[in-house]
Amino acid sequence: MQIGYKLAAEAFGPAELVRQAVRAEQAGFDFVEISDHYHPWLDNQGHSPFAWTVLGTIAARTERIGLATGVTCPTVRYHPAIIAQAAATLALLSEGRFVLGVGAGERLNEHVVGRGFPAVAARHEMFREALEIIRLLWRGGYRSYEGKHLHLEDARVFDLPEELPLIAVAASGRPSARIAAELGDGLFATEAKPEILRHYHDAGGSGPAYAEVPVAWAPDEHTAARAVLETTRWAVTGWKVMSELPNPVNFAAATTTVREEDILANFACGPDPAGFVEMAQRYVDAGFDRLVLMNAGPDPDGFLEFYSGELDQRIRALSPRPADS
């Protein structure tokens, strides 16, 4: 079991994210994970710095904590050749601490370059090609690729680490889980659904399984839930909504009916460690062994102290419960 801390790049500026990563290392987290977005989910979150610059700075400011993108889309806003180069460079600078988390993307971030955002089937085709290009470039030498959607011409990544980064592929259903098994080294998900792991394993996947666990620390449950409602209510809409809406204003409109009781049903909120442990247990029961605590509460330092003092050992001790319990 490894425990990660989610750097909420939509809610904090770059310097604050670096500071939180340093604190997360001190608090005992195994790795930090950062989203790679162009826009925040909601305008009132107010931030969305360039994830790769933030990660490079964290690598220089920390000693042991792992780094991960959660997740990067290597198809539209970025060409996969750029991600192959960026990930290799970060692996070198972090001395092997980097995991490349990748996914098929959200319209929220990918439409900004004016190339459109295709339907799911085409997205998955592009995503497969992107992963093939990254793998090809990581073999060294000059490489070319002619795909249906993506192309590569005489490209070479000159600075490659001896040990390549693990690639964790985001999945929400059978088709994406198959891509994770065939072209990735691990799985990344945001829902505690055992069928995602089942699809992954059925397709031959056997790597580590990452999942984001929704939590919100505050001195009382109501304060925590209100903070989630203010900035993170988009998280209860489900992946089909999250991947399709184009701008923060659309997420604001789509979540006007979300209420505090919806937040409490989907997030562990407040100061009681038992609720946080139970939320983590859901993901352990589903088969995940890399848990990323996504704190949407109003006080990140309070949460980091809470984790260090109340949660670390309790979550690490979790194991899957029997299926009939």
Protein backbone atom coordinates (compact mmCIF):
# COMPACT_ATOMS: atom_id res chain seq x y z
CA MET A 1 0.00 0.00 0.00
CA GLN A 2 1.20 3.47 -0.90
CA ILE A 3 -0.56 6.70 0.07
CA GLY A 4 -0.47 9.83 -2.06
CA TYR A 5 -1.52 13.45 -1.57
CA LYS A 6 -3.47 15.18 -4.33
CA LEU A 7 -2.13 18.61 -5.21
CA ALA A 8 -5.27 20.56 -6.14
CA ALA A 9 -3.84 22.59 -9.00
CA GLU A 10 -7.24 24.17 -9.67
CA ALA A 11 -7.42 25.58 -6.14
CA PHE A 12 -3.88 26.82 -5.45
CA GLY A 13 -1.12 28.72 -7.23
CA PRO A 14 2.21 27.13 -8.18
CA ALA A 15 4.26 28.30 -5.19
CA GLU A 16 1.62 27.07 -2.74
CA LEU A 17 1.48 23.68 -4.48
CA VAL A 18 5.24 23.31 -4.09
CA ARG A 19 4.97 24.25 -0.41
CA GLN A 20 2.23 21.66 0.12
CA ALA A 21 4.32 18.98 -1.60
CA VAL A 22 7.23 19.67 0.77
CA ARG A 23 4.82 19.46 3.72
CA ALA A 24 3.33 16.23 2.34
CA GLU A 25 6.80 14.67 2.31
CA GLN A 26 7.29 15.73 5.94
CA ALA A 27 3.86 14.31 6.84
CA GLY A 28 4.82 10.87 5.55
CA PHE A 29 3.05 10.61 2.20
CA ASP A 30 4.68 8.32 -0.35
CA PHE A 31 3.92 10.48 -3.39
CA VAL A 32 2.11 13.57 -4.61
CA GLU A 33 -0.12 13.62 -7.65
CA ILE A 34 -1.09 16.73 -9.61
CA SER A 35 -3.79 17.23 -12.23
CA ASP A 36 -2.62 18.57 -15.59
CA HIS A 37 -5.34 21.04 -16.59
CA TYR A 38 -5.56 24.25 -18.58
CA HIS A 39 -8.74 25.43 -16.78
CA PRO A 40 -10.04 24.85 -13.26
CA TRP A 41 -13.34 23.00 -12.95
CA LEU A 42 -15.02 26.11 -11.50
CA ASP A 43 -13.99 29.75 -11.91
CA ASN A 44 -14.06 30.32 -8.16
CA GLN A 45 -11.28 27.78 -7.72
CA GLY A 46 -9.17 30.44 -9.37
CA HIS A 47 -6.02 28.58 -10.48
CA SER A 48 -4.54 26.20 -13.03
CA PRO A 49 -0.73 26.50 -13.28
CA PHE A 50 1.43 24.47 -15.66
CA ALA A 51 1.80 21.11 -13.95
CA TRP A 52 5.18 20.20 -15.42
CA THR A 53 6.89 23.32 -14.08
CA VAL A 54 5.38 22.68 -10.65
CA LEU A 55 6.57 19.06 -10.68
CA GLY A 56 10.09 20.04 -11.70
CA THR A 57 10.29 22.49 -8.82
CA ILE A 58 8.95 19.89 -6.39
CA ALA A 59 11.61 17.45 -7.59
CA ALA A 60 14.28 20.01 -6.71
CA ARG A 61 12.76 20.84 -3.31
CA THR A 62 12.15 17.30 -2.04
CA GLU A 63 14.26 14.23 -1.42
CA ARG A 64 12.21 11.04 -1.34
CA ILE A 65 8.55 11.68 -2.18
CA GLY A 66 7.25 10.30 -5.48
CA LEU A 67 5.71 12.52 -8.17
CA ALA A 68 2.87 11.74 -10.56
CA THR A 69 0.61 13.39 -13.08
CA GLY A 70 -3.02 12.65 -12.39
CA VAL A 71 -3.53 12.68 -15.32
CA THR A 72 -1.99 14.08 -18.52
CA CYS A 73 -3.75 13.80 -21.89
CA PRO A 74 -1.07 13.19 -24.58
CA THR A 75 -3.25 13.60 -27.67
CA VAL A 76 -4.67 17.07 -28.37
CA ARG A 77 -3.27 19.87 -26.21
CA TYR A 78 0.06 18.05 -26.14
CA HIS A 79 1.62 15.87 -28.82
CA PRO A 80 2.83 12.58 -27.29
CA ALA A 81 6.39 13.37 -28.41
CA ILE A 82 6.35 16.33 -25.99
CA ILE A 83 5.06 14.18 -23.14
CA ALA A 84 7.68 11.50 -23.87
CA GLN A 85 10.37 14.17 -23.57
CA ALA A 86 8.83 15.88 -20.52
CA ALA A 87 8.37 12.63 -18.60
CA ALA A 88 11.90 11.44 -19.36
CA THR A 89 13.34 14.77 -18.19
CA LEU A 90 11.32 14.74 -14.97
CA ALA A 91 12.35 11.15 -14.29
CA LEU A 92 15.99 12.23 -14.52
CA LEU A 93 15.55 15.34 -12.36
CA SER A 94 13.65 13.39 -9.70
CA GLU A 95 16.12 10.49 -9.81
CA GLY A 96 13.48 7.95 -10.69
CA ARG A 97 10.62 9.22 -8.52
CA PHE A 98 8.19 10.05 -11.34
CA VAL A 99 5.09 8.15 -12.52
CA LEU A 100 3.43 9.26 -15.76
CA GLY A 101 -0.33 9.17 -15.26
CA VAL A 102 -2.15 9.50 -18.58
CA GLY A 103 -5.74 9.55 -19.78
CA ALA A 104 -7.92 10.24 -22.78
CA GLY A 105 -8.66 13.76 -21.51
CA GLU A 106 -11.50 16.18 -20.84
CA ARG A 107 -13.01 18.68 -23.24
CA LEU A 108 -12.49 21.30 -20.49
CA ASN A 109 -8.76 21.37 -21.22
CA GLU A 110 -8.26 19.92 -24.69
CA HIS A 111 -10.58 22.19 -26.71
CA VAL A 112 -8.44 25.26 -25.97
CA VAL A 113 -6.02 24.64 -28.86
CA GLY A 114 -8.85 24.76 -31.40
CA ARG A 115 -8.50 21.22 -32.75
CA GLY A 116 -11.81 19.98 -31.38
CA PHE A 117 -12.38 17.06 -29.05
CA PRO A 118 -13.63 13.86 -30.70
CA ALA A 119 -16.17 11.29 -29.56
CA VAL A 120 -15.10 8.54 -27.17
CA ALA A 121 -14.21 5.93 -29.79
CA ALA A 122 -11.88 8.31 -31.63
CA ARG A 123 -10.41 9.52 -28.34
CA HIS A 124 -9.45 5.96 -27.47
CA GLU A 125 -7.91 5.44 -30.91
CA MET A 126 -5.85 8.59 -30.48
CA PHE A 127 -4.90 7.59 -26.95
CA ARG A 128 -3.63 4.19 -28.11
CA GLU A 129 -1.53 5.85 -30.78
CA ALA A 130 -0.14 8.35 -28.28
CA LEU A 131 0.98 5.60 -25.92
CA GLU A 132 2.55 3.71 -28.80
CA ILE A 133 4.50 6.85 -29.75
CA ILE A 134 5.70 7.42 -26.19
CA ARG A 135 6.84 3.81 -25.91
CA LEU A 136 8.54 4.04 -29.30
CA LEU A 137 10.49 7.18 -28.38
CA TRP A 138 11.54 5.67 -25.06
CA ARG A 139 13.28 2.89 -26.97
CA GLY A 140 15.85 5.46 -28.06
CA GLY A 141 17.07 6.50 -31.49
CA TYR A 142 15.29 8.41 -34.22
CA ARG A 143 11.71 7.27 -34.65
CA SER A 144 8.82 7.87 -37.02
CA TYR A 145 5.19 6.83 -36.72
CA GLU A 146 2.21 7.00 -39.07
CA GLY A 147 -1.11 6.53 -37.32
CA LYS A 148 -4.71 7.22 -38.21
CA HIS A 149 -4.73 10.32 -36.00
CA LEU A 150 -1.16 11.03 -34.87
CA HIS A 151 2.18 11.20 -36.65
CA LEU A 152 5.83 11.39 -35.72
CA GLU A 153 8.71 12.33 -38.02
CA ASP A 154 12.38 11.61 -37.26
CA ALA A 155 12.09 12.37 -33.55
CA ARG A 156 14.47 11.35 -30.79
CA VAL A 157 14.42 11.89 -27.03
CA PHE A 158 18.11 12.35 -26.25
CA ASP A 159 17.92 12.36 -22.43
CA LEU A 160 16.43 9.06 -21.32
CA PRO A 161 16.67 7.62 -17.79
CA GLU A 162 18.08 4.14 -17.33
CA GLU A 163 14.80 3.13 -15.70
CA LEU A 164 11.81 4.48 -17.60
CA PRO A 165 8.83 5.97 -15.72
CA LEU A 166 5.92 3.71 -14.94
CA ILE A 167 2.86 4.65 -17.04
CA ALA A 168 -0.45 4.54 -15.14
CA VAL A 169 -3.39 4.67 -17.53
CA ALA A 170 -6.73 6.17 -16.45
CA ALA A 171 -9.73 3.91 -16.89
CA SER A 172 -13.44 4.13 -16.15
CA GLY A 173 -14.78 1.13 -18.09
CA ARG A 174 -13.86 -1.92 -20.14
CA PRO A 175 -12.37 -0.17 -23.23
CA SER A 176 -10.05 2.12 -21.26
CA ALA A 177 -9.13 -0.69 -18.85
CA ARG A 178 -8.04 -2.74 -21.86
CA ILE A 179 -5.81 0.11 -23.02
CA ALA A 180 -4.31 0.25 -19.53
CA ALA A 181 -3.57 -3.47 -19.59
CA GLU A 182 -2.12 -3.51 -23.10
CA LEU A 183 -0.12 -0.27 -23.17
CA GLY A 184 0.35 0.79 -19.55
CA ASP A 185 2.23 -0.40 -16.50
CA GLY A 186 -0.56 0.36 -14.06
CA LEU A 187 -4.13 1.61 -13.70
CA PHE A 188 -5.53 4.96 -12.55
CA ALA A 189 -9.18 5.53 -11.56
CA THR A 190 -11.40 7.92 -9.64
CA GLU A 191 -14.22 5.58 -8.61
CA ALA A 192 -14.30 2.67 -6.16
CA LYS A 193 -15.65 0.23 -8.73
CA PRO A 194 -14.25 -3.30 -8.56
CA GLU A 195 -15.34 -3.92 -12.14
CA ILE A 196 -12.68 -1.48 -13.37
CA LEU A 197 -9.99 -3.68 -11.81
CA ARG A 198 -11.75 -6.79 -13.09
CA HIS A 199 -11.71 -5.50 -16.66
CA TYR A 200 -8.05 -4.56 -16.25
CA HIS A 201 -7.04 -7.97 -14.94
CA ASP A 202 -9.17 -9.81 -17.50
CA ALA A 203 -7.23 -7.96 -20.23
CA GLY A 204 -3.92 -9.07 -18.73
CA GLY A 205 -3.11 -6.07 -16.54
CA SER A 206 -1.15 -6.76 -13.37
CA GLY A 207 0.42 -3.44 -12.33
CA PRO A 208 -0.28 -1.10 -9.41
CA ALA A 209 -3.76 0.42 -9.22
CA TYR A 210 -4.07 4.12 -8.33
CA ALA A 211 -7.31 5.73 -7.15
CA GLU A 212 -8.33 9.15 -5.83
CA VAL A 213 -10.16 9.04 -2.49
CA PRO A 214 -12.50 12.03 -1.89
CA VAL A 215 -12.05 13.56 1.57
CA ALA A 216 -12.41 16.96 3.24
CA TRP A 217 -10.88 17.78 6.60
CA ALA A 218 -12.20 20.60 8.82
CA PRO A 219 -12.87 21.00 12.55
CA ASP A 220 -16.52 20.07 11.94
CA GLU A 221 -18.43 18.13 9.29
CA HIS A 222 -20.56 21.06 8.12
CA THR A 223 -17.56 23.33 7.46
CA ALA A 224 -15.86 20.56 5.48
CA ALA A 225 -18.96 19.80 3.41
CA ARG A 226 -19.57 23.50 2.66
CA ALA A 227 -16.00 23.84 1.41
CA VAL A 228 -16.50 20.91 -0.96
CA LEU A 229 -19.80 22.35 -2.13
CA GLU A 230 -18.13 25.68 -2.88
CA THR A 231 -15.14 24.41 -4.89
CA THR A 232 -15.38 20.69 -5.62
CA ARG A 233 -19.04 19.83 -6.22
CA TRP A 234 -18.16 18.92 -9.81
CA ALA A 235 -16.64 15.71 -8.43
CA VAL A 236 -20.07 14.16 -7.83
CA THR A 237 -21.20 14.52 -11.46
CA GLY A 238 -19.49 11.36 -12.75
CA TRP A 239 -16.91 10.85 -15.46
CA LYS A 240 -19.29 11.13 -18.44
CA VAL A 241 -20.15 14.68 -17.41
CA MET A 242 -16.62 15.59 -16.32
CA SER A 243 -15.11 14.58 -19.65
CA GLU A 244 -17.55 16.45 -21.87
CA LEU A 245 -18.27 19.97 -20.57
CA PRO A 246 -16.09 22.67 -22.18
CA ASN A 247 -15.71 25.45 -19.61
CA PRO A 248 -15.93 26.21 -15.88
CA VAL A 249 -19.20 28.08 -16.42
CA ASN A 250 -20.74 24.86 -17.75
CA PHE A 251 -19.66 22.96 -14.64
CA ALA A 252 -21.14 25.70 -12.49
CA ALA A 253 -24.45 25.38 -14.33
CA ALA A 254 -24.41 21.57 -14.24
CA THR A 255 -23.92 21.47 -10.47
CA THR A 256 -26.50 23.98 -9.25
CA THR A 257 -28.64 21.16 -7.83
CA VAL A 258 -25.83 19.56 -5.80
CA ARG A 259 -26.60 19.81 -2.09
CA GLU A 260 -24.67 19.32 1.11
CA GLU A 261 -26.21 15.88 1.59
CA ASP A 262 -24.82 14.87 -1.82
CA ILE A 263 -21.37 15.91 -0.68
CA LEU A 264 -21.66 13.95 2.57
CA ALA A 265 -22.67 10.86 0.61
CA ASN A 266 -19.58 11.08 -1.61
CA PHE A 267 -16.85 12.60 0.61
CA ALA A 268 -15.48 11.76 4.03
CA CYS A 269 -16.01 15.11 5.78
CA GLY A 270 -15.02 16.56 9.15
CA PRO A 271 -12.54 15.68 11.92
CA ASP A 272 -13.40 12.02 12.60
CA PRO A 273 -10.67 9.69 11.29
CA ALA A 274 -13.10 6.77 11.19
CA GLY A 275 -14.96 8.30 8.25
CA PHE A 276 -11.74 8.79 6.32
CA VAL A 277 -10.61 5.24 7.00
CA GLU A 278 -13.98 3.88 5.90
CA MET A 279 -13.83 5.89 2.66
CA ALA A 280 -10.33 4.54 1.98
CA GLN A 281 -11.57 1.03 2.76
CA ARG A 282 -14.04 1.24 -0.14
CA TYR A 283 -11.15 1.65 -2.56
CA VAL A 284 -9.07 -1.06 -0.91
CA ASP A 285 -12.07 -3.40 -1.18
CA ALA A 286 -12.33 -2.54 -4.88
CA GLY A 287 -8.72 -3.66 -5.36
CA PHE A 288 -6.71 -0.43 -5.39
CA ASP A 289 -3.29 -0.38 -3.71
CA ARG A 290 -2.18 3.22 -4.40
CA LEU A 291 -4.60 5.58 -2.64
CA VAL A 292 -4.47 9.31 -3.38
CA LEU A 293 -6.19 11.38 -0.70
CA MET A 294 -7.94 14.26 -2.47
CA ASN A 295 -8.58 16.77 0.31
CA ALA A 296 -11.18 19.37 -0.64
CA GLY A 297 -11.37 20.90 2.82
CA PRO A 298 -10.53 24.54 3.55
CA ASP A 299 -7.25 24.00 5.46
CA PRO A 300 -4.52 21.95 3.74
CA ASP A 301 -2.09 22.30 6.64
CA GLY A 302 -4.71 21.13 9.09
CA PHE A 303 -5.36 18.12 6.88
CA LEU A 304 -1.64 17.27 6.60
CA GLU A 305 -1.30 17.35 10.40
CA PHE A 306 -4.47 15.25 10.71
CA TYR A 307 -3.08 12.72 8.25
CA SER A 308 0.25 12.44 10.00
CA GLY A 309 -1.25 12.08 13.46
CA GLU A 310 -4.49 10.19 12.83
CA LEU A 311 -4.61 8.50 9.42
CA ASP A 312 -1.24 7.33 8.13
CA GLN A 313 -0.88 4.06 9.99
CA ARG A 314 -4.60 3.29 10.03
CA ILE A 315 -4.92 3.51 6.26
CA ARG A 316 -1.70 1.60 5.64
CA ALA A 317 -3.06 -1.25 7.78
CA LEU A 318 -6.15 -1.71 5.60
CA SER A 319 -6.72 -4.89 3.64
CA PRO A 320 -9.68 -5.97 1.50
CA ARG A 321 -12.68 -7.13 3.47
CA PRO A 322 -14.32 -10.45 2.54
CA ALA A 323 -16.77 -9.99 -0.32
CA ASP A 324 -19.78 -10.93 1.85
CA SER A 325 -18.95 -8.57 4.74
